[in-house]
């Protein structure tokens, strides 16, 4: 069964190769022939005439678009005093110990054998 699959795949590859040779040969033949003559098409007039470009007023001489803002009173924020931070001990007590990490057996080195 497996050999028939390989035979079908091989035949498909051969057919593909032969068809590509024929396609390349046909393309070369078309390139060597004279280009086909195209019929003369009527000249289409350009659609609309060009639109006139309007002139914009100079912003420095024209009327002011954005009015000036009135002077507003500045709001005052209330003063808030925060309580003092609690004092932390600078020195770590000597009685504090870090917990030991569990060891993983397959990463630990094998125990040493005692020699007599």
PDB file of N, CA and C in Angstrom:
ATOM      1  N   UNK A   1       0.827  -1.182   0.000  1.00  0.00           N
ATOM      2  CA  UNK A   1       0.000   0.000   0.000  1.00  0.00           C
ATOM      3  C   UNK A   1       0.877   1.253   0.000  1.00  0.00           C
ATOM      4  N   UNK A   2       1.947   1.220   0.795  1.00  0.00           N
ATOM      5  CA  UNK A   2       2.814   2.386   0.876  1.00  0.00           C
ATOM      6  C   UNK A   2       3.544   2.606  -0.439  1.00  0.00           C
ATOM      7  N   UNK A   3       3.901   1.518  -1.138  1.00  0.00           N
ATOM      8  CA  UNK A   3       4.618   1.685  -2.398  1.00  0.00           C
ATOM      9  C   UNK A   3       3.704   2.293  -3.458  1.00  0.00           C
ATOM     10  N   UNK A   4       2.401   1.999  -3.417  1.00  0.00           N
ATOM     11  CA  UNK A   4       1.496   2.579  -4.396  1.00  0.00           C
ATOM     12  C   UNK A   4       1.325   4.084  -4.143  1.00  0.00           C
ATOM     13  N   UNK A   5       1.389   4.513  -2.867  1.00  0.00           N
ATOM     14  CA  UNK A   5       1.324   5.945  -2.566  1.00  0.00           C
ATOM     15  C   UNK A   5       2.545   6.657  -3.124  1.00  0.00           C
ATOM     16  N   UNK A   6       3.723   6.041  -2.957  1.00  0.00           N
ATOM     17  CA  UNK A   6       4.939   6.662  -3.475  1.00  0.00           C
ATOM     18  C   UNK A   6       4.920   6.694  -4.996  1.00  0.00           C
ATOM     19  N   UNK A   7       4.356   5.668  -5.638  1.00  0.00           N
ATOM     20  CA  UNK A   7       4.264   5.631  -7.091  1.00  0.00           C
ATOM     21  C   UNK A   7       3.340   6.743  -7.591  1.00  0.00           C
ATOM     22  N   UNK A   8       2.223   6.951  -6.907  1.00  0.00           N
ATOM     23  CA  UNK A   8       1.294   8.005  -7.303  1.00  0.00           C
ATOM     24  C   UNK A   8       1.946   9.377  -7.135  1.00  0.00           C
ATOM     25  N   UNK A   9       2.667   9.566  -6.051  1.00  0.00           N
ATOM     26  CA  UNK A   9       3.347  10.843  -5.816  1.00  0.00           C
ATOM     27  C   UNK A   9       4.420  11.056  -6.872  1.00  0.00           C
ATOM     28  N   UNK A  10       5.179  10.004  -7.220  1.00  0.00           N
ATOM     29  CA  UNK A  10       6.227  10.126  -8.223  1.00  0.00           C
ATOM     30  C   UNK A  10       5.626  10.460  -9.583  1.00  0.00           C
ATOM     31  N   UNK A  11       4.523   9.811  -9.951  1.00  0.00           N
ATOM     32  CA  UNK A  11       3.879  10.107 -11.231  1.00  0.00           C
ATOM     33  C   UNK A  11       3.353  11.543 -11.260  1.00  0.00           C
ATOM     34  N   UNK A  12       2.818  12.007 -10.159  1.00  0.00           N
ATOM     35  CA  UNK A  12       2.342  13.387 -10.077  1.00  0.00           C
ATOM     36  C   UNK A  12       3.491  14.372 -10.265  1.00  0.00           C
ATOM     37  N   UNK A  13       4.642  14.089  -9.651  1.00  0.00           N
ATOM     38  CA  UNK A  13       5.805  14.977  -9.782  1.00  0.00           C
ATOM     39  C   UNK A  13       6.313  14.995 -11.218  1.00  0.00           C
ATOM     40  N   UNK A  14       6.327  13.837 -11.887  1.00  0.00           N
ATOM     41  CA  UNK A  14       6.779  13.773 -13.279  1.00  0.00           C
ATOM     42  C   UNK A  14       5.814  14.554 -14.172  1.00  0.00           C
ATOM     43  N   UNK A  15       4.514  14.389 -13.946  1.00  0.00           N
ATOM     44  CA  UNK A  15       3.534  15.112 -14.748  1.00  0.00           C
ATOM     45  C   UNK A  15       3.662  16.615 -14.528  1.00  0.00           C
ATOM     46  N   UNK A  16       3.912  17.024 -13.310  1.00  0.00           N
ATOM     47  CA  UNK A  16       4.090  18.444 -13.009  1.00  0.00           C
ATOM     48  C   UNK A  16       5.329  18.994 -13.693  1.00  0.00           C
ATOM     49  N   UNK A  17       6.417  18.241 -13.684  1.00  0.00           N
ATOM     50  CA  UNK A  17       7.647  18.690 -14.327  1.00  0.00           C
ATOM     51  C   UNK A  17       7.453  18.814 -15.836  1.00  0.00           C
ATOM     52  N   UNK A  18       6.790  17.830 -16.449  1.00  0.00           N
ATOM     53  CA  UNK A  18       6.584  17.879 -17.894  1.00  0.00           C
ATOM     54  C   UNK A  18       5.646  19.019 -18.286  1.00  0.00           C
ATOM     55  N   UNK A  19       4.637  19.281 -17.476  1.00  0.00           N
ATOM     56  CA  UNK A  19       3.734  20.379 -17.810  1.00  0.00           C
ATOM     57  C   UNK A  19       4.424  21.722 -17.671  1.00  0.00           C
ATOM     58  N   UNK A  20       5.348  21.854 -16.725  1.00  0.00           N
ATOM     59  CA  UNK A  20       6.054  23.123 -16.588  1.00  0.00           C
ATOM     60  C   UNK A  20       7.000  23.336 -17.757  1.00  0.00           C
ATOM     61  N   UNK A  21       7.568  22.238 -18.334  1.00  0.00           N
ATOM     62  CA  UNK A  21       8.422  22.375 -19.502  1.00  0.00           C
ATOM     63  C   UNK A  21       7.592  22.859 -20.680  1.00  0.00           C
ATOM     64  N   UNK A  22       6.397  22.313 -20.834  1.00  0.00           N
ATOM     65  CA  UNK A  22       5.539  22.744 -21.929  1.00  0.00           C
ATOM     66  C   UNK A  22       5.094  24.191 -21.741  1.00  0.00           C
ATOM     67  N   UNK A  23       4.829  24.588 -20.525  1.00  0.00           N
ATOM     68  CA  UNK A  23       4.408  25.967 -20.275  1.00  0.00           C
ATOM     69  C   UNK A  23       5.552  26.930 -20.571  1.00  0.00           C
ATOM     70  N   UNK A  24       6.777  26.573 -20.210  1.00  0.00           N
ATOM     71  CA  UNK A  24       7.917  27.442 -20.479  1.00  0.00           C
ATOM     72  C   UNK A  24       8.159  27.543 -21.981  1.00  0.00           C
ATOM     73  N   UNK A  25       7.993  26.442 -22.679  1.00  0.00           N
ATOM     74  CA  UNK A  25       8.186  26.436 -24.123  1.00  0.00           C
ATOM     75  C   UNK A  25       7.124  27.319 -24.808  1.00  0.00           C
ATOM     76  N   UNK A  26       5.876  27.245 -24.337  1.00  0.00           N
ATOM     77  CA  UNK A  26       4.813  28.062 -24.913  1.00  0.00           C
ATOM     78  C   UNK A  26       5.038  29.540 -24.613  1.00  0.00           C
ATOM     79  N   UNK A  27       5.512  29.858 -23.427  1.00  0.00           N
ATOM     80  CA  UNK A  27       5.780  31.253 -23.083  1.00  0.00           C
ATOM     81  C   UNK A  27       6.895  31.811 -23.943  1.00  0.00           C
ATOM     82  N   UNK A  28       7.948  31.033 -24.173  1.00  0.00           N
ATOM     83  CA  UNK A  28       9.048  31.490 -25.022  1.00  0.00           C
ATOM     84  C   UNK A  28       8.539  31.720 -26.449  1.00  0.00           C
ATOM     85  N   UNK A  29       7.680  30.840 -26.925  1.00  0.00           N
ATOM     86  CA  UNK A  29       7.130  31.001 -28.269  1.00  0.00           C
ATOM     87  C   UNK A  29       6.309  32.287 -28.375  1.00  0.00           C
ATOM     88  N   UNK A  30       5.522  32.592 -27.348  1.00  0.00           N
ATOM     89  CA  UNK A  30       4.730  33.817 -27.366  1.00  0.00           C
ATOM     90  C   UNK A  30       5.604  35.056 -27.308  1.00  0.00           C
ATOM     91  N   UNK A  31       6.729  34.977 -26.605  1.00  0.00           N
ATOM     92  CA  UNK A  31       7.622  36.130 -26.520  1.00  0.00           C
ATOM     93  C   UNK A  31       8.312  36.397 -27.852  1.00  0.00           C
ATOM     94  N   UNK A  32       8.542  35.355 -28.639  1.00  0.00           N
ATOM     95  CA  UNK A  32       9.246  35.535 -29.902  1.00  0.00           C
ATOM     96  C   UNK A  32       8.318  35.990 -31.017  1.00  0.00           C
ATOM     97  N   UNK A  33       7.030  35.883 -30.860  1.00  0.00           N
ATOM     98  CA  UNK A  33       6.105  36.335 -31.894  1.00  0.00           C
ATOM     99  C   UNK A  33       5.899  37.834 -31.773  1.00  0.00           C
ATOM    100  N   UNK A  34       5.320  38.446 -32.816  1.00  0.00           N
ATOM    101  CA  UNK A  34       5.055  39.886 -32.810  1.00  0.00           C
ATOM    102  C   UNK A  34       3.906  40.182 -31.856  1.00  0.00           C
ATOM    103  N   UNK A  35       3.935  41.330 -31.185  1.00  0.00           N
ATOM    104  CA  UNK A  35       2.828  41.666 -30.289  1.00  0.00           C
ATOM    105  C   UNK A  35       1.549  41.867 -31.090  1.00  0.00           C
ATOM    106  N   UNK A  36       0.419  41.550 -30.521  1.00  0.00           N
ATOM    107  CA  UNK A  36      -0.842  41.700 -31.254  1.00  0.00           C
ATOM    108  C   UNK A  36      -1.149  43.178 -31.474  1.00  0.00           C
ATOM    109  N   UNK A  37      -1.819  43.481 -32.567  1.00  0.00           N
ATOM    110  CA  UNK A  37      -2.173  44.872 -32.850  1.00  0.00           C
ATOM    111  C   UNK A  37      -3.463  45.208 -32.104  1.00  0.00           C
ATOM    112  N   UNK A  38      -3.453  46.313 -31.414  1.00  0.00           N
ATOM    113  CA  UNK A  38      -4.615  46.742 -30.652  1.00  0.00           C
ATOM    114  C   UNK A  38      -5.442  47.698 -31.491  1.00  0.00           C
ATOM    115  N   UNK A  39      -6.737  47.645 -31.408  1.00  0.00           N
ATOM    116  CA  UNK A  39      -7.557  48.590 -32.171  1.00  0.00           C
ATOM    117  C   UNK A  39      -7.393  49.999 -31.617  1.00  0.00           C
ATOM    118  N   UNK A  40      -7.607  50.983 -32.458  1.00  0.00           N
ATOM    119  CA  UNK A  40      -7.500  52.382 -32.025  1.00  0.00           C
ATOM    120  C   UNK A  40      -8.764  52.764 -31.274  1.00  0.00           C
ATOM    121  N   UNK A  41      -8.579  53.178 -30.056  1.00  0.00           N
ATOM    122  CA  UNK A  41      -9.697  53.602 -29.234  1.00  0.00           C
ATOM    123  C   UNK A  41      -9.892  55.104 -29.392  1.00  0.00           C
ATOM    124  N   UNK A  42     -11.132  55.599 -29.310  1.00  0.00           N
ATOM    125  CA  UNK A  42     -11.346  57.049 -29.415  1.00  0.00           C
ATOM    126  C   UNK A  42     -10.798  57.759 -28.176  1.00  0.00           C
ATOM    127  N   UNK A  43     -10.369  58.972 -28.372  1.00  0.00           N
ATOM    128  CA  UNK A  43      -9.814  59.754 -27.273  1.00  0.00           C
ATOM    129  C   UNK A  43     -10.970  60.276 -26.435  1.00  0.00           C
ATOM    130  N   UNK A  44     -10.941  59.992 -25.162  1.00  0.00           N
ATOM    131  CA  UNK A  44     -11.993  60.432 -24.255  1.00  0.00           C
ATOM    132  C   UNK A  44     -11.596  61.804 -23.707  1.00  0.00           C
ATOM    133  N   UNK A  45     -12.475  62.805 -23.832  1.00  0.00           N
ATOM    134  CA  UNK A  45     -12.118  64.121 -23.290  1.00  0.00           C
ATOM    135  C   UNK A  45     -12.036  64.044 -21.765  1.00  0.00           C
ATOM    136  N   UNK A  46     -11.184  64.878 -21.242  1.00  0.00           N
ATOM    137  CA  UNK A  46     -11.027  64.918 -19.789  1.00  0.00           C
ATOM    138  C   UNK A  46     -12.336  65.395 -19.186  1.00  0.00           C
ATOM    139  N   UNK A  47     -12.771  64.766 -18.114  1.00  0.00           N
ATOM    140  CA  UNK A  47     -14.083  64.989 -17.517  1.00  0.00           C
ATOM    141  C   UNK A  47     -14.406  66.432 -17.203  1.00  0.00           C
ATOM    142  N   UNK A  48     -14.205  66.877 -16.004  1.00  0.00           N
ATOM    143  CA  UNK A  48     -14.611  68.202 -15.556  1.00  0.00           C
ATOM    144  C   UNK A  48     -13.454  69.180 -15.730  1.00  0.00           C
ATOM    145  N   UNK A  49     -13.766  70.449 -15.920  1.00  0.00           N
ATOM    146  CA  UNK A  49     -12.679  71.432 -15.967  1.00  0.00           C
ATOM    147  C   UNK A  49     -12.060  71.567 -14.577  1.00  0.00           C
ATOM    148  N   UNK A  50     -10.840  72.057 -14.503  1.00  0.00           N
ATOM    149  CA  UNK A  50     -10.209  72.176 -13.184  1.00  0.00           C
ATOM    150  C   UNK A  50     -10.973  73.145 -12.290  1.00  0.00           C
ATOM    151  N   UNK A  51     -11.068  72.801 -11.034  1.00  0.00           N
ATOM    152  CA  UNK A  51     -11.781  73.629 -10.065  1.00  0.00           C
ATOM    153  C   UNK A  51     -10.905  74.808  -9.657  1.00  0.00           C
ATOM    154  N   UNK A  52     -11.495  76.000  -9.499  1.00  0.00           N
ATOM    155  CA  UNK A  52     -10.688  77.141  -9.045  1.00  0.00           C
ATOM    156  C   UNK A  52     -10.316  76.960  -7.568  1.00  0.00           C
ATOM    157  N   UNK A  53      -9.126  77.396  -7.252  1.00  0.00           N
ATOM    158  CA  UNK A  53      -8.647  77.269  -5.871  1.00  0.00           C
ATOM    159  C   UNK A  53      -9.006  78.556  -5.138  1.00  0.00           C
ATOM    160  N   UNK A  54      -9.811  78.459  -4.079  1.00  0.00           N
ATOM    161  CA  UNK A  54     -10.201  79.687  -3.368  1.00  0.00           C
ATOM    162  C   UNK A  54      -9.008  80.242  -2.595  1.00  0.00           C
ATOM    163  N   UNK A  55      -8.994  81.543  -2.451  1.00  0.00           N
ATOM    164  CA  UNK A  55      -7.944  82.194  -1.665  1.00  0.00           C
ATOM    165  C   UNK A  55      -8.435  82.343  -0.235  1.00  0.00           C
ATOM    166  N   UNK A  56      -7.620  81.988   0.683  1.00  0.00           N
ATOM    167  CA  UNK A  56      -7.972  82.062   2.097  1.00  0.00           C
ATOM    168  C   UNK A  56      -7.438  83.355   2.677  1.00  0.00           C
ATOM    169  N   UNK A  57      -8.166  83.973   3.619  1.00  0.00           N
ATOM    170  CA  UNK A  57      -7.660  85.211   4.222  1.00  0.00           C
ATOM    171  C   UNK A  57      -6.445  84.911   5.094  1.00  0.00           C
ATOM    172  N   UNK A  58      -5.580  85.893   5.194  1.00  0.00           N
ATOM    173  CA  UNK A  58      -4.386  85.761   6.024  1.00  0.00           C
ATOM    174  C   UNK A  58      -4.821  85.791   7.492  1.00  0.00           C
ATOM    175  N   UNK A  59      -4.417  84.811   8.315  1.00  0.00           N
ATOM    176  CA  UNK A  59      -4.894  84.787   9.703  1.00  0.00           C
ATOM    177  C   UNK A  59      -4.389  85.959  10.541  1.00  0.00           C
ATOM    178  N   UNK A  60      -3.290  86.574  10.141  1.00  0.00           N
ATOM    179  CA  UNK A  60      -2.804  87.700  10.958  1.00  0.00           C
ATOM    180  C   UNK A  60      -3.611  88.956  10.696  1.00  0.00           C
ATOM    181  N   UNK A  61      -4.186  89.105   9.505  1.00  0.00           N
ATOM    182  CA  UNK A  61      -4.940  90.324   9.208  1.00  0.00           C
ATOM    183  C   UNK A  61      -6.441  90.117   9.315  1.00  0.00           C
ATOM    184  N   UNK A  62      -6.893  88.876   9.325  1.00  0.00           N
ATOM    185  CA  UNK A  62      -8.318  88.597   9.356  1.00  0.00           C
ATOM    186  C   UNK A  62      -8.887  88.738  10.756  1.00  0.00           C
ATOM    187  N   UNK A  63     -10.194  88.540  10.878  1.00  0.00           N
ATOM    188  CA  UNK A  63     -10.817  88.644  12.209  1.00  0.00           C
ATOM    189  C   UNK A  63     -10.332  87.502  13.105  1.00  0.00           C
ATOM    190  N   UNK A  64     -10.316  87.789  14.394  1.00  0.00           N
ATOM    191  CA  UNK A  64      -9.862  86.791  15.361  1.00  0.00           C
ATOM    192  C   UNK A  64     -10.920  85.708  15.506  1.00  0.00           C
ATOM    193  N   UNK A  65     -10.514  84.467  15.325  1.00  0.00           N
ATOM    194  CA  UNK A  65     -11.458  83.362  15.407  1.00  0.00           C
ATOM    195  C   UNK A  65     -11.651  82.923  16.854  1.00  0.00           C
ATOM    196  N   UNK A  66     -10.567  82.891  17.632  1.00  0.00           N
ATOM    197  CA  UNK A  66     -10.634  82.437  19.019  1.00  0.00           C
ATOM    198  C   UNK A  66     -10.635  83.670  19.929  1.00  0.00           C
ATOM    199  N   UNK A  67     -11.696  83.880  20.689  1.00  0.00           N
ATOM    200  CA  UNK A  67     -11.696  85.043  21.585  1.00  0.00           C
ATOM    201  C   UNK A  67     -10.733  84.794  22.745  1.00  0.00           C
ATOM    202  N   UNK A  68     -10.245  85.873  23.310  1.00  0.00           N
ATOM    203  CA  UNK A  68      -9.333  85.729  24.440  1.00  0.00           C
ATOM    204  C   UNK A  68     -10.119  85.307  25.678  1.00  0.00           C
ATOM    205  N   UNK A  69      -9.490  84.531  26.524  1.00  0.00           N
ATOM    206  CA  UNK A  69     -10.141  84.033  27.732  1.00  0.00           C
ATOM    207  C   UNK A  69     -10.115  85.105  28.818  1.00  0.00           C
ATOM    208  N   UNK A  70     -11.171  85.220  29.577  1.00  0.00           N
ATOM    209  CA  UNK A  70     -11.156  86.204  30.668  1.00  0.00           C
ATOM    210  C   UNK A  70     -10.257  85.712  31.800  1.00  0.00           C
ATOM    211  N   UNK A  71      -9.794  86.651  32.606  1.00  0.00           N
ATOM    212  CA  UNK A  71      -8.953  86.301  33.754  1.00  0.00           C
ATOM    213  C   UNK A  71      -9.833  85.720  34.847  1.00  0.00           C
ATOM    214  N   UNK A  72      -9.562  84.469  35.202  1.00  0.00           N
ATOM    215  CA  UNK A  72     -10.336  83.801  36.241  1.00  0.00           C
ATOM    216  C   UNK A  72      -9.548  83.795  37.537  1.00  0.00           C
ATOM    217  N   UNK A  73     -10.239  83.844  38.664  1.00  0.00           N
ATOM    218  CA  UNK A  73      -9.496  83.773  39.938  1.00  0.00           C
ATOM    219  C   UNK A  73      -8.899  82.378  40.113  1.00  0.00           C
ATOM    220  N   UNK A  74      -7.719  82.343  40.683  1.00  0.00           N
ATOM    221  CA  UNK A  74      -7.048  81.066  40.905  1.00  0.00           C
ATOM    222  C   UNK A  74      -7.625  80.409  42.159  1.00  0.00           C
ATOM    223  N   UNK A  75      -8.006  79.129  42.057  1.00  0.00           N
ATOM    224  CA  UNK A  75      -8.553  78.467  43.248  1.00  0.00           C
ATOM    225  C   UNK A  75      -7.443  78.199  44.260  1.00  0.00           C
ATOM    226  N   UNK A  76      -7.816  78.237  45.513  1.00  0.00           N
ATOM    227  CA  UNK A  76      -6.848  77.950  46.573  1.00  0.00           C
ATOM    228  C   UNK A  76      -7.151  76.566  47.127  1.00  0.00           C
ATOM    229  N   UNK A  77      -6.118  75.798  47.311  1.00  0.00           N
ATOM    230  CA  UNK A  77      -6.265  74.455  47.847  1.00  0.00           C
ATOM    231  C   UNK A  77      -6.057  74.483  49.353  1.00  0.00           C
ATOM    232  N   UNK A  78      -6.852  73.717  50.108  1.00  0.00           N
ATOM    233  CA  UNK A  78      -6.652  73.702  51.563  1.00  0.00           C
ATOM    234  C   UNK A  78      -5.347  72.984  51.903  1.00  0.00           C
ATOM    235  N   UNK A  79      -4.700  73.444  52.944  1.00  0.00           N
ATOM    236  CA  UNK A  79      -3.464  72.827  53.410  1.00  0.00           C
ATOM    237  C   UNK A  79      -3.801  71.640  54.294  1.00  0.00           C
ATOM    238  N   UNK A  80      -3.185  70.506  53.996  1.00  0.00           N
ATOM    239  CA  UNK A  80      -3.418  69.292  54.775  1.00  0.00           C
ATOM    240  C   UNK A  80      -2.083  68.824  55.317  1.00  0.00           C
ATOM    241  N   UNK A  81      -2.053  68.522  56.606  1.00  0.00           N
ATOM    242  CA  UNK A  81      -0.824  67.986  57.195  1.00  0.00           C
ATOM    243  C   UNK A  81      -1.006  66.496  57.409  1.00  0.00           C
ATOM    244  N   UNK A  82      -0.018  65.729  57.018  1.00  0.00           N
ATOM    245  CA  UNK A  82      -0.070  64.285  57.158  1.00  0.00           C
ATOM    246  C   UNK A  82       0.571  63.867  58.466  1.00  0.00           C
ATOM    247  N   UNK A  83       0.102  62.765  59.057  1.00  0.00           N
ATOM    248  CA  UNK A  83       0.734  62.307  60.295  1.00  0.00           C
ATOM    249  C   UNK A  83       2.128  61.768  59.989  1.00  0.00           C
ATOM    250  N   UNK A  84       3.015  61.777  60.977  1.00  0.00           N
ATOM    251  CA  UNK A  84       4.377  61.279  60.725  1.00  0.00           C
ATOM    252  C   UNK A  84       4.360  59.767  60.487  1.00  0.00           C
ATOM    253  N   UNK A  85       5.307  59.306  59.689  1.00  0.00           N
ATOM    254  CA  UNK A  85       5.436  57.877  59.414  1.00  0.00           C
ATOM    255  C   UNK A  85       5.974  57.167  60.648  1.00  0.00           C
ATOM    256  N   UNK A  86       5.541  55.916  60.873  1.00  0.00           N
ATOM    257  CA  UNK A  86       6.097  55.194  62.017  1.00  0.00           C
ATOM    258  C   UNK A  86       7.567  54.876  61.775  1.00  0.00           C
ATOM    259  N   UNK A  87       8.317  54.846  62.848  1.00  0.00           N
ATOM    260  CA  UNK A  87       9.751  54.570  62.705  1.00  0.00           C
ATOM    261  C   UNK A  87       9.957  53.058  62.617  1.00  0.00           C
ATOM    262  N   UNK A  88      10.779  52.645  61.677  1.00  0.00           N
ATOM    263  CA  UNK A  88      11.103  51.235  61.500  1.00  0.00           C
ATOM    264  C   UNK A  88      12.460  50.954  62.110  1.00  0.00           C
ATOM    265  N   UNK A  89      12.654  49.724  62.609  1.00  0.00           N
ATOM    266  CA  UNK A  89      13.987  49.425  63.165  1.00  0.00           C
ATOM    267  C   UNK A  89      15.015  49.377  62.035  1.00  0.00           C
ATOM    268  N   UNK A  90      16.154  49.991  62.290  1.00  0.00           N
ATOM    269  CA  UNK A  90      17.208  50.027  61.280  1.00  0.00           C
ATOM    270  C   UNK A  90      17.928  48.685  61.255  1.00  0.00           C
ATOM    271  N   UNK A  91      18.153  48.087  62.394  1.00  0.00           N
ATOM    272  CA  UNK A  91      18.873  46.805  62.480  1.00  0.00           C
ATOM    273  C   UNK A  91      17.862  45.670  62.504  1.00  0.00           C
ATOM    274  N   UNK A  92      18.141  44.608  61.762  1.00  0.00           N
ATOM    275  CA  UNK A  92      17.292  43.419  61.787  1.00  0.00           C
ATOM    276  C   UNK A  92      17.679  42.603  63.009  1.00  0.00           C
ATOM    277  N   UNK A  93      16.700  42.157  63.781  1.00  0.00           N
ATOM    278  CA  UNK A  93      17.057  41.374  64.974  1.00  0.00           C
ATOM    279  C   UNK A  93      17.790  40.100  64.583  1.00  0.00           C
ATOM    280  N   UNK A  94      18.701  39.668  65.468  1.00  0.00           N
ATOM    281  CA  UNK A  94      19.528  38.492  65.162  1.00  0.00           C
ATOM    282  C   UNK A  94      18.726  37.196  65.250  1.00  0.00           C
ATOM    283  N   UNK A  95      17.588  37.193  65.898  1.00  0.00           N
ATOM    284  CA  UNK A  95      16.797  35.977  66.036  1.00  0.00           C
ATOM    285  C   UNK A  95      16.030  35.614  64.773  1.00  0.00           C
ATOM    286  N   UNK A  96      15.956  36.532  63.812  1.00  0.00           N
ATOM    287  CA  UNK A  96      15.194  36.255  62.597  1.00  0.00           C
ATOM    288  C   UNK A  96      16.028  35.389  61.656  1.00  0.00           C
ATOM    289  N   UNK A  97      15.438  34.298  61.197  1.00  0.00           N
ATOM    290  CA  UNK A  97      16.133  33.423  60.235  1.00  0.00           C
ATOM    291  C   UNK A  97      15.240  33.241  59.013  1.00  0.00           C
ATOM    292  N   UNK A  98      15.852  33.017  57.915  1.00  0.00           N
ATOM    293  CA  UNK A  98      15.114  32.779  56.695  1.00  0.00           C
ATOM    294  C   UNK A  98      14.701  31.311  56.641  1.00  0.00           C
ATOM    295  N   UNK A  99      13.539  31.005  56.109  1.00  0.00           N
ATOM    296  CA  UNK A  99      13.140  29.596  56.017  1.00  0.00           C
ATOM    297  C   UNK A  99      14.021  28.879  55.002  1.00  0.00           C
ATOM    298  N   UNK A 100      14.258  27.596  55.274  1.00  0.00           N
ATOM    299  CA  UNK A 100      15.104  26.821  54.362  1.00  0.00           C
ATOM    300  C   UNK A 100      14.255  26.341  53.179  1.00  0.00           C
ATOM    301  N   UNK A 101      14.861  26.327  52.015  1.00  0.00           N
ATOM    302  CA  UNK A 101      14.172  25.891  50.818  1.00  0.00           C
ATOM    303  C   UNK A 101      14.228  24.371  50.733  1.00  0.00           C
ATOM    304  N   UNK A 102      13.161  23.727  50.277  1.00  0.00           N
ATOM    305  CA  UNK A 102      13.208  22.278  50.149  1.00  0.00           C
ATOM    306  C   UNK A 102      14.148  21.884  49.011  1.00  0.00           C
ATOM    307  N   UNK A 103      14.814  20.772  49.171  1.00  0.00           N
ATOM    308  CA  UNK A 103      15.740  20.315  48.143  1.00  0.00           C
ATOM    309  C   UNK A 103      15.017  19.342  47.218  1.00  0.00           C
ATOM    310  N   UNK A 104      15.383  19.385  45.956  1.00  0.00           N
ATOM    311  CA  UNK A 104      14.793  18.491  44.970  1.00  0.00           C
ATOM    312  C   UNK A 104      15.732  17.300  44.832  1.00  0.00           C
ATOM    313  N   UNK A 105      15.231  16.068  45.019  1.00  0.00           N
ATOM    314  CA  UNK A 105      16.130  14.912  45.077  1.00  0.00           C
ATOM    315  C   UNK A 105      16.932  14.674  43.804  1.00  0.00           C
ATOM    316  N   UNK A 106      16.339  14.847  42.622  1.00  0.00           N
ATOM    317  CA  UNK A 106      17.102  14.492  41.427  1.00  0.00           C
ATOM    318  C   UNK A 106      18.100  15.573  41.037  1.00  0.00           C
ATOM    319  N   UNK A 107      18.060  16.759  41.663  1.00  0.00           N
ATOM    320  CA  UNK A 107      19.045  17.775  41.399  1.00  0.00           C
ATOM    321  C   UNK A 107      20.156  17.796  42.451  1.00  0.00           C
ATOM    322  N   UNK A 108      19.946  17.097  43.541  1.00  0.00           N
ATOM    323  CA  UNK A 108      20.949  17.065  44.605  1.00  0.00           C
ATOM    324  C   UNK A 108      22.062  16.096  44.203  1.00  0.00           C
ATOM    325  N   UNK A 109      23.319  16.360  44.602  1.00  0.00           N
ATOM    326  CA  UNK A 109      24.402  15.433  44.269  1.00  0.00           C
ATOM    327  C   UNK A 109      24.231  14.132  45.046  1.00  0.00           C
ATOM    328  N   UNK A 110      24.719  13.015  44.511  1.00  0.00           N
ATOM    329  CA  UNK A 110      24.578  11.744  45.225  1.00  0.00           C
ATOM    330  C   UNK A 110      25.391  11.774  46.515  1.00  0.00           C
ATOM    331  N   UNK A 111      24.968  11.013  47.487  1.00  0.00           N
ATOM    332  CA  UNK A 111      25.722  10.994  48.758  1.00  0.00           C
ATOM    333  C   UNK A 111      27.116  10.357  48.539  1.00  0.00           C
ATOM    334  N   UNK A 112      28.049  10.851  49.298  1.00  0.00           N
ATOM    335  CA  UNK A 112      29.427  10.340  49.179  1.00  0.00           C
ATOM    336  C   UNK A 112      29.501   8.952  49.815  1.00  0.00           C
ATOM    337  N   UNK A 113      30.239   8.107  49.189  1.00  0.00           N
ATOM    338  CA  UNK A 113      30.437   6.764  49.755  1.00  0.00           C
ATOM    339  C   UNK A 113      31.560   6.833  50.770  1.00  0.00           C
ATOM    340  N   UNK A 114      31.363   6.154  51.872  1.00  0.00           N
ATOM    341  CA  UNK A 114      32.412   6.165  52.901  1.00  0.00           C
ATOM    342  C   UNK A 114      33.435   5.079  52.576  1.00  0.00           C
ATOM    343  N   UNK A 115      34.678   5.454  52.596  1.00  0.00           N
ATOM    344  CA  UNK A 115      35.731   4.464  52.319  1.00  0.00           C
ATOM    345  C   UNK A 115      36.263   3.930  53.640  1.00  0.00           C
ATOM    346  N   UNK A 116      36.462   2.591  53.787  1.00  0.00           N
ATOM    347  CA  UNK A 116      36.942   2.024  55.066  1.00  0.00           C
ATOM    348  C   UNK A 116      38.398   2.238  55.328  1.00  0.00           C
TER     349      UNK A 116
END
